[in-house]
Every structure is written in C-alpha cells, then in structure tokens.
Amino acid sequence: MVGEIDIQKLIKGMKPILNQGEFVFVSVKDVSMIDRNDTICEFKEEEGTTLVLSRDKADSLKLPYEYICAWITLTIHSSLEAVGLTAFFSTRLAEHNISCNVIAGYYHDHVFVDIKDGEKAVDVLMAISEK
C-alpha cells in the first residue's frame, strides 16, 4: 500500500491520537543491555545511540534523561516522499508555543511533545485537521 502524498489529504486525514504513557529520549553507548522489545525506536549517532522508550523502562534501567514527553501518532498513512506535512503541523504547534520532535515511521508520523503539552497538542492538530 502506497502512502498519501497530497498535502491537503494528509492534513485532513492525519487524525492524531495520544498514546498512553510517558516517554523519554536517552543516549547509550552500548545497546546490548537494552531489549529491543522495550524500545519505541532508535537512531545511531556518532555520540551514542538515541533510544525512545517509556519513562518506566528508562527508570528501571537507570538511564538518565532530561525530557519527558507525550507521544502522538498521526494515523494517516503518509508517504515518506510527502512534502510539507511536518512543516505545516510543526509551525501550527510552534504558534501555540509547543515544541515537537518528529519521527517518521514507514506508515505514520509520530510527534513527541513535552508531557505537559500532550492534550493541547492533540487539540491543535485536530483543529487544523478539521478545517
């Protein structure tokens, strides 16, 4: 199934959902101590491997973190070649003083916002989707 590329259809159909829980970004040098079933995603950087995982799992592994976030999934199947969706919604979130970190999965875009802004971010995203 091919993902959507039309920006208007993407905006209208993004239908954000707030995933339950609190999530954190951590950086580790050695990923061998991490069960991949416990991670949301990972990205290898020169300084270490960035992992996104539940706050509870990070706490149980005694991994340090600084930023606790809410995880929002945009439920439309967006193409990795789509142009403009991230720029559009990140600008709208910024207008409401909401920082966002976006990770594109194969099927969906995932938006991480400060835990205190989770509900507000979903409201903003729903509002722009319904216009």
Protein backbone atom coordinates (compact mmCIF):
# COMPACT_ATOMS: atom_id res chain seq x y z
CA MET A 1 0.00 0.00 0.00
CA VAL A 2 1.42 3.36 -1.05
CA GLY A 3 1.28 6.24 1.42
CA GLU A 4 -0.54 9.51 0.80
CA ILE A 5 1.42 12.42 -0.73
CA ASP A 6 -1.31 15.04 -1.25
CA ILE A 7 -0.78 17.69 1.46
CA GLN A 8 -4.47 18.57 1.77
CA LYS A 9 -5.46 14.91 2.21
CA LEU A 10 -2.63 14.44 4.70
CA ILE A 11 -3.75 17.39 6.82
CA LYS A 12 -7.41 16.44 6.70
CA GLY A 13 -6.75 12.77 7.41
CA MET A 14 -3.96 12.95 9.99
CA LYS A 15 -6.33 12.21 12.93
CA PRO A 16 -3.86 12.43 15.83
CA ILE A 17 -4.09 10.01 18.73
CA LEU A 18 -2.36 10.41 22.07
CA ASN A 19 -0.60 7.20 23.08
CA GLN A 20 -0.86 6.31 26.75
CA GLY A 21 2.17 6.81 28.95
CA GLU A 22 5.23 8.98 29.38
CA PHE A 23 8.19 8.63 27.05
CA VAL A 24 11.82 9.72 27.10
CA PHE A 25 14.80 10.09 24.79
CA VAL A 26 18.06 8.60 26.09
CA SER A 27 21.51 8.14 24.62
CA VAL A 28 23.56 4.99 25.28
CA LYS A 29 26.97 3.85 24.09
CA ASP A 30 26.14 0.14 24.42
CA VAL A 31 22.72 -1.01 23.23
CA SER A 32 23.33 -4.65 24.16
CA MET A 33 21.78 -4.07 27.61
CA ILE A 34 18.51 -2.88 26.04
CA ASP A 35 15.82 -5.35 24.98
CA ARG A 36 14.63 -4.10 21.58
CA ASN A 37 11.09 -5.10 22.58
CA ASP A 38 11.24 -2.25 25.11
CA THR A 39 12.16 0.49 22.64
CA ILE A 40 9.89 2.65 20.51
CA CYS A 41 12.73 3.48 18.13
CA GLU A 42 16.45 4.10 17.90
CA PHE A 43 18.84 6.21 15.88
CA LYS A 44 22.60 5.77 15.75
CA GLU A 45 24.61 8.95 16.14
CA GLU A 46 28.34 9.49 16.47
CA GLU A 47 27.99 10.29 20.20
CA GLY A 48 25.83 7.26 21.00
CA THR A 49 22.56 5.56 20.10
CA THR A 50 19.43 7.59 20.81
CA LEU A 51 16.56 5.47 22.07
CA VAL A 52 12.96 6.43 22.68
CA LEU A 53 11.31 4.31 25.35
CA SER A 54 8.80 4.51 28.14
CA ARG A 55 9.84 6.52 31.16
CA ASP A 56 9.16 3.49 33.37
CA LYS A 57 11.56 1.35 31.34
CA ALA A 58 14.27 4.06 31.41
CA ASP A 59 13.82 4.35 35.18
CA SER A 60 14.08 0.58 35.67
CA LEU A 61 17.30 0.54 33.61
CA LYS A 62 18.59 3.62 35.50
CA LEU A 63 19.06 5.52 32.22
CA PRO A 64 19.36 9.29 32.56
CA TYR A 65 17.00 11.57 30.63
CA GLU A 66 16.06 15.23 30.67
CA TYR A 67 12.86 15.46 28.65
CA ILE A 68 9.61 13.66 29.44
CA CYS A 69 7.21 13.62 26.54
CA ALA A 70 3.83 12.59 25.26
CA TRP A 71 3.69 10.54 22.07
CA ILE A 72 1.14 11.44 19.39
CA THR A 73 0.61 9.29 16.31
CA LEU A 74 -0.81 10.80 13.13
CA THR A 75 -2.93 7.90 11.93
CA ILE A 76 -2.90 8.63 8.19
CA HIS A 77 -0.50 6.50 6.14
CA SER A 78 1.81 9.23 4.90
CA SER A 79 4.33 8.58 2.18
CA LEU A 80 7.97 9.05 3.08
CA GLU A 81 8.09 11.21 -0.07
CA ALA A 82 5.28 13.54 1.05
CA VAL A 83 6.26 17.21 1.11
CA GLY A 84 5.12 19.76 3.66
CA LEU A 85 3.20 17.89 6.35
CA THR A 86 5.84 18.16 9.06
CA ALA A 87 6.47 21.82 8.25
CA PHE A 88 2.75 22.55 8.35
CA PHE A 89 1.90 20.97 11.70
CA SER A 90 5.15 21.91 13.42
CA THR A 91 4.51 25.56 12.51
CA ARG A 92 0.98 25.35 13.96
CA LEU A 93 2.31 23.77 17.15
CA ALA A 94 5.01 26.45 17.42
CA GLU A 95 2.31 29.12 17.16
CA HIS A 96 0.91 27.60 20.38
CA ASN A 97 4.39 27.52 21.99
CA ILE A 98 4.59 23.71 21.70
CA SER A 99 7.94 22.18 20.85
CA CYS A 100 7.80 18.97 18.84
CA ASN A 101 10.15 16.21 17.84
CA VAL A 102 9.00 14.21 14.83
CA ILE A 103 9.92 10.68 13.84
CA ALA A 104 8.67 9.28 10.55
CA GLY A 105 7.80 5.62 10.57
CA TYR A 106 7.06 3.65 7.42
CA TYR A 107 3.30 4.16 7.82
CA HIS A 108 2.83 7.08 10.19
CA ASP A 109 4.43 10.22 11.58
CA HIS A 110 4.99 10.27 15.32
CA VAL A 111 5.17 13.53 17.26
CA PHE A 112 6.76 13.82 20.68
CA VAL A 113 5.85 16.89 22.74
CA ASP A 114 6.52 17.91 26.32
CA ILE A 115 4.30 15.82 28.60
CA LYS A 116 2.50 18.94 29.84
CA ASP A 117 1.51 19.79 26.23
CA GLY A 118 0.17 16.40 25.11
CA GLU A 119 -3.56 17.13 25.28
CA LYS A 120 -3.13 20.68 23.97
CA ALA A 121 -1.06 19.44 21.01
CA VAL A 122 -3.73 16.88 20.08
CA ASP A 123 -6.36 19.64 20.25
CA VAL A 124 -4.28 21.88 17.96
CA LEU A 125 -3.67 19.06 15.50
CA MET A 126 -7.34 18.04 15.49
CA ALA A 127 -8.39 21.64 14.90
CA ILE A 128 -6.16 22.04 11.85
CA SER A 129 -7.24 18.62 10.56
CA GLU A 130 -10.92 19.62 10.76
CA LYS A 131 -10.52 22.97 8.94
